Amino acid sequence: MSRTKKRLIKLALVAVLLIAYGAYVYYQNNNLISVHYSISSERIDNDLSIVHLSDLHGKQFGRANHVLRAEIESATPDLIVFTGDMIDAYNSKYLPTVQFLGELTKIAPVVGVLGNHERGSGMRHDFRNRLLAEGVHVLDNQFLSLEVTGNELTLLGFDENIEVRISNNVHAPLLAELEDSPHFRIVLSHYAHEFAQIDDYSFESYDFDLMLAGHTHGGQWNLPWMGALYVPDQSFPPKHTRGLYDERLVVSAGLGSRLIPARWFNYPEVVIVSVEPIDNR
């Protein structure tokens, strides 16, 4: 075989591998899945379904995010929450995300908090105000009371500036006040590691029913059978990457990606949390 033919075969193999890799990356980043977690509580009277979105980073699943909306609608949620980084700090086109979240209010009440990318974008306040105008509840170290399917809910949403909370203990009086609520108590925070990994400031020492968080991207790059090796702001190996922990912390692996736009062995996900009542009569 001539050198020219050998070179062409090598080039062809490289091209096939690159195409296969590109197809794999595209599939990993666009094969949207739903993951389900179930908890129970004596603080609700009727079944409660919560859809949890996080870390969209301005990504579109189909035109106007119709694929993502269909996935959410199929879950028939009673409440939709988001936990930050719905826009990307390096992309100024955030109006489609505003419109998308506004459209979701036609399905169920939408409540959320912002993340570090909203802060870093320089568009945080405009983004928040536009969401409020769409009927979306954006909590900024604030409480919200809702009645959903006959259940009384108290939600506490934290500002994404974790450095401020650690330095002046902003969160402690808010979490203490949440403990006094007789209703089903939900904490929304962008950062999963606040639950147990900020020492004396960790949220786990407070009494609430459910915490929803993101930021981890599920590690973004996972290894088969090993999972995530690295998550920002967490120790090695990371403790809270995705899933249900301690029966009251749910961490979303998110929808989009950061830096290099690729997820490996880590599908974008819509999280569905089912809360069932406990009958103590």
Foldseek 3Di string as FASTA:
>chain_A
DDPVVVVVVVVVVVVVVVVVVVVQQVCQQQVEAADEAEFEEQQWDAKAKEKEAEQLQCDANPVLNVVVVVVVVVSLHQEYEYFENNHALVDPPCVSVLVSQLVCVVRHAYEYEYAPRLVNNVCVVVSVVSNVVSRHHYADQDWDWDQTPNFIEIEGEYHHPVVVCLVPVSCVVSLVVQLPDSGQYEYGHADLCLQPPSPPRRPVVGDHAAYEYEQFLQLQEADPPGTHQDGPPADGRGDCRAQDDPSHYGYANHNFDPDPGGGHPRHHYIYMYMYHYDDPD
